[in-house]
């Protein structure tokens, strides 16, 4: 076992940098990911239940696209606002 394998994941992520030496996961990216996973539609079982109840894929498809669209927009806006600050 090397010292690198004993290091925790948060510490490893903090050390990751791009070619210019900028961190790959600055706080704005982490916060954006948190918001994405909070708003994103993640339960496929719910889509199946809605499909069974409505008898059509139209409503579940709308739910999936709507929720993931809001999640992407929230993460994108947080990232862009973080760049401005």
C-alpha atoms as a PDB file:
ATOM      1  CA  UNK A   1       0.000   0.000   0.000  1.00  0.00           C
ATOM      2  CA  UNK A   2       1.285   3.404  -0.944  1.00  0.00           C
ATOM      3  CA  UNK A   3       0.446   6.670   0.750  1.00  0.00           C
ATOM      4  CA  UNK A   4      -1.653   7.729  -2.269  1.00  0.00           C
ATOM      5  CA  UNK A   5      -3.957   4.725  -1.904  1.00  0.00           C
ATOM      6  CA  UNK A   6      -4.613   5.627   1.747  1.00  0.00           C
ATOM      7  CA  UNK A   7      -5.593   9.202   0.904  1.00  0.00           C
ATOM      8  CA  UNK A   8      -9.301  10.036   1.089  1.00  0.00           C
ATOM      9  CA  UNK A   9     -11.341  10.783  -2.017  1.00  0.00           C
ATOM     10  CA  UNK A  10     -12.051  14.438  -1.071  1.00  0.00           C
ATOM     11  CA  UNK A  11      -8.315  15.053  -0.686  1.00  0.00           C
ATOM     12  CA  UNK A  12      -7.594  13.439  -4.048  1.00  0.00           C
ATOM     13  CA  UNK A  13     -10.285  15.502  -5.764  1.00  0.00           C
ATOM     14  CA  UNK A  14      -8.941  18.723  -4.263  1.00  0.00           C
ATOM     15  CA  UNK A  15      -5.494  17.963  -5.704  1.00  0.00           C
ATOM     16  CA  UNK A  16      -6.730  17.360  -9.272  1.00  0.00           C
ATOM     17  CA  UNK A  17      -5.710  20.137 -11.665  1.00  0.00           C
ATOM     18  CA  UNK A  18      -5.889  20.831 -15.377  1.00  0.00           C
ATOM     19  CA  UNK A  19      -2.917  21.585 -17.656  1.00  0.00           C
ATOM     20  CA  UNK A  20      -2.804  25.203 -16.451  1.00  0.00           C
ATOM     21  CA  UNK A  21      -2.776  24.273 -12.774  1.00  0.00           C
ATOM     22  CA  UNK A  22      -6.385  25.324 -12.128  1.00  0.00           C
ATOM     23  CA  UNK A  23      -8.436  23.029  -9.884  1.00  0.00           C
ATOM     24  CA  UNK A  24     -10.752  20.653 -11.751  1.00  0.00           C
ATOM     25  CA  UNK A  25     -13.371  20.730  -9.006  1.00  0.00           C
ATOM     26  CA  UNK A  26     -13.656  24.264  -7.611  1.00  0.00           C
ATOM     27  CA  UNK A  27     -16.490  24.998  -5.154  1.00  0.00           C
ATOM     28  CA  UNK A  28     -18.760  26.373  -7.905  1.00  0.00           C
ATOM     29  CA  UNK A  29     -18.612  23.032  -9.753  1.00  0.00           C
ATOM     30  CA  UNK A  30     -19.307  21.062  -6.580  1.00  0.00           C
ATOM     31  CA  UNK A  31     -22.265  23.270  -5.661  1.00  0.00           C
ATOM     32  CA  UNK A  32     -23.592  22.997  -9.221  1.00  0.00           C
ATOM     33  CA  UNK A  33     -23.410  19.203  -9.023  1.00  0.00           C
ATOM     34  CA  UNK A  34     -25.265  19.227  -5.716  1.00  0.00           C
ATOM     35  CA  UNK A  35     -28.059  21.290  -7.254  1.00  0.00           C
ATOM     36  CA  UNK A  36     -28.149  19.061 -10.351  1.00  0.00           C
ATOM     37  CA  UNK A  37     -28.611  15.908  -8.293  1.00  0.00           C
ATOM     38  CA  UNK A  38     -31.208  17.614  -6.101  1.00  0.00           C
ATOM     39  CA  UNK A  39     -33.387  18.598  -9.083  1.00  0.00           C
ATOM     40  CA  UNK A  40     -32.669  15.812 -11.592  1.00  0.00           C
ATOM     41  CA  UNK A  41     -35.261  13.112 -12.152  1.00  0.00           C
ATOM     42  CA  UNK A  42     -33.507   9.973 -10.925  1.00  0.00           C
ATOM     43  CA  UNK A  43     -36.232   7.429 -10.259  1.00  0.00           C
ATOM     44  CA  UNK A  44     -36.981   5.287 -13.298  1.00  0.00           C
ATOM     45  CA  UNK A  45     -39.583   3.400 -11.257  1.00  0.00           C
ATOM     46  CA  UNK A  46     -41.621   6.586 -10.969  1.00  0.00           C
ATOM     47  CA  UNK A  47     -41.576   6.984 -14.749  1.00  0.00           C
ATOM     48  CA  UNK A  48     -42.932   3.457 -15.149  1.00  0.00           C
ATOM     49  CA  UNK A  49     -45.708   4.086 -12.605  1.00  0.00           C
ATOM     50  CA  UNK A  50     -46.720   7.309 -14.368  1.00  0.00           C
ATOM     51  CA  UNK A  51     -46.673   5.456 -17.702  1.00  0.00           C
ATOM     52  CA  UNK A  52     -48.932   2.728 -16.277  1.00  0.00           C
ATOM     53  CA  UNK A  53     -51.324   5.268 -14.754  1.00  0.00           C
ATOM     54  CA  UNK A  54     -51.570   7.473 -17.843  1.00  0.00           C
ATOM     55  CA  UNK A  55     -51.237   4.737 -20.476  1.00  0.00           C
ATOM     56  CA  UNK A  56     -48.864   6.911 -22.488  1.00  0.00           C
ATOM     57  CA  UNK A  57     -45.164   7.721 -22.533  1.00  0.00           C
ATOM     58  CA  UNK A  58     -45.945  11.381 -23.174  1.00  0.00           C
ATOM     59  CA  UNK A  59     -46.309  12.426 -19.517  1.00  0.00           C
ATOM     60  CA  UNK A  60     -43.302  10.455 -18.181  1.00  0.00           C
ATOM     61  CA  UNK A  61     -41.135  11.770 -21.015  1.00  0.00           C
ATOM     62  CA  UNK A  62     -42.242  15.317 -20.226  1.00  0.00           C
ATOM     63  CA  UNK A  63     -41.444  14.796 -16.515  1.00  0.00           C
ATOM     64  CA  UNK A  64     -38.014  13.416 -17.311  1.00  0.00           C
ATOM     65  CA  UNK A  65     -37.088  16.195 -19.733  1.00  0.00           C
ATOM     66  CA  UNK A  66     -38.575  18.956 -17.579  1.00  0.00           C
ATOM     67  CA  UNK A  67     -36.856  17.928 -14.332  1.00  0.00           C
ATOM     68  CA  UNK A  68     -33.498  17.230 -15.964  1.00  0.00           C
ATOM     69  CA  UNK A  69     -33.748  20.485 -17.902  1.00  0.00           C
ATOM     70  CA  UNK A  70     -34.309  22.433 -14.694  1.00  0.00           C
ATOM     71  CA  UNK A  71     -31.442  20.556 -13.031  1.00  0.00           C
ATOM     72  CA  UNK A  72     -29.076  21.329 -15.911  1.00  0.00           C
ATOM     73  CA  UNK A  73     -30.148  24.969 -15.995  1.00  0.00           C
ATOM     74  CA  UNK A  74     -29.626  25.350 -12.232  1.00  0.00           C
ATOM     75  CA  UNK A  75     -26.163  23.771 -12.389  1.00  0.00           C
ATOM     76  CA  UNK A  76     -25.237  25.871 -15.415  1.00  0.00           C
ATOM     77  CA  UNK A  77     -26.381  29.117 -13.790  1.00  0.00           C
ATOM     78  CA  UNK A  78     -24.562  28.355 -10.542  1.00  0.00           C
ATOM     79  CA  UNK A  79     -21.394  27.627 -12.486  1.00  0.00           C
ATOM     80  CA  UNK A  80     -21.671  30.827 -14.542  1.00  0.00           C
ATOM     81  CA  UNK A  81     -22.465  33.003 -11.521  1.00  0.00           C
ATOM     82  CA  UNK A  82     -19.482  31.435  -9.756  1.00  0.00           C
ATOM     83  CA  UNK A  83     -17.277  32.429 -12.686  1.00  0.00           C
ATOM     84  CA  UNK A  84     -18.467  36.023 -12.418  1.00  0.00           C
ATOM     85  CA  UNK A  85     -17.709  36.226  -8.705  1.00  0.00           C
END
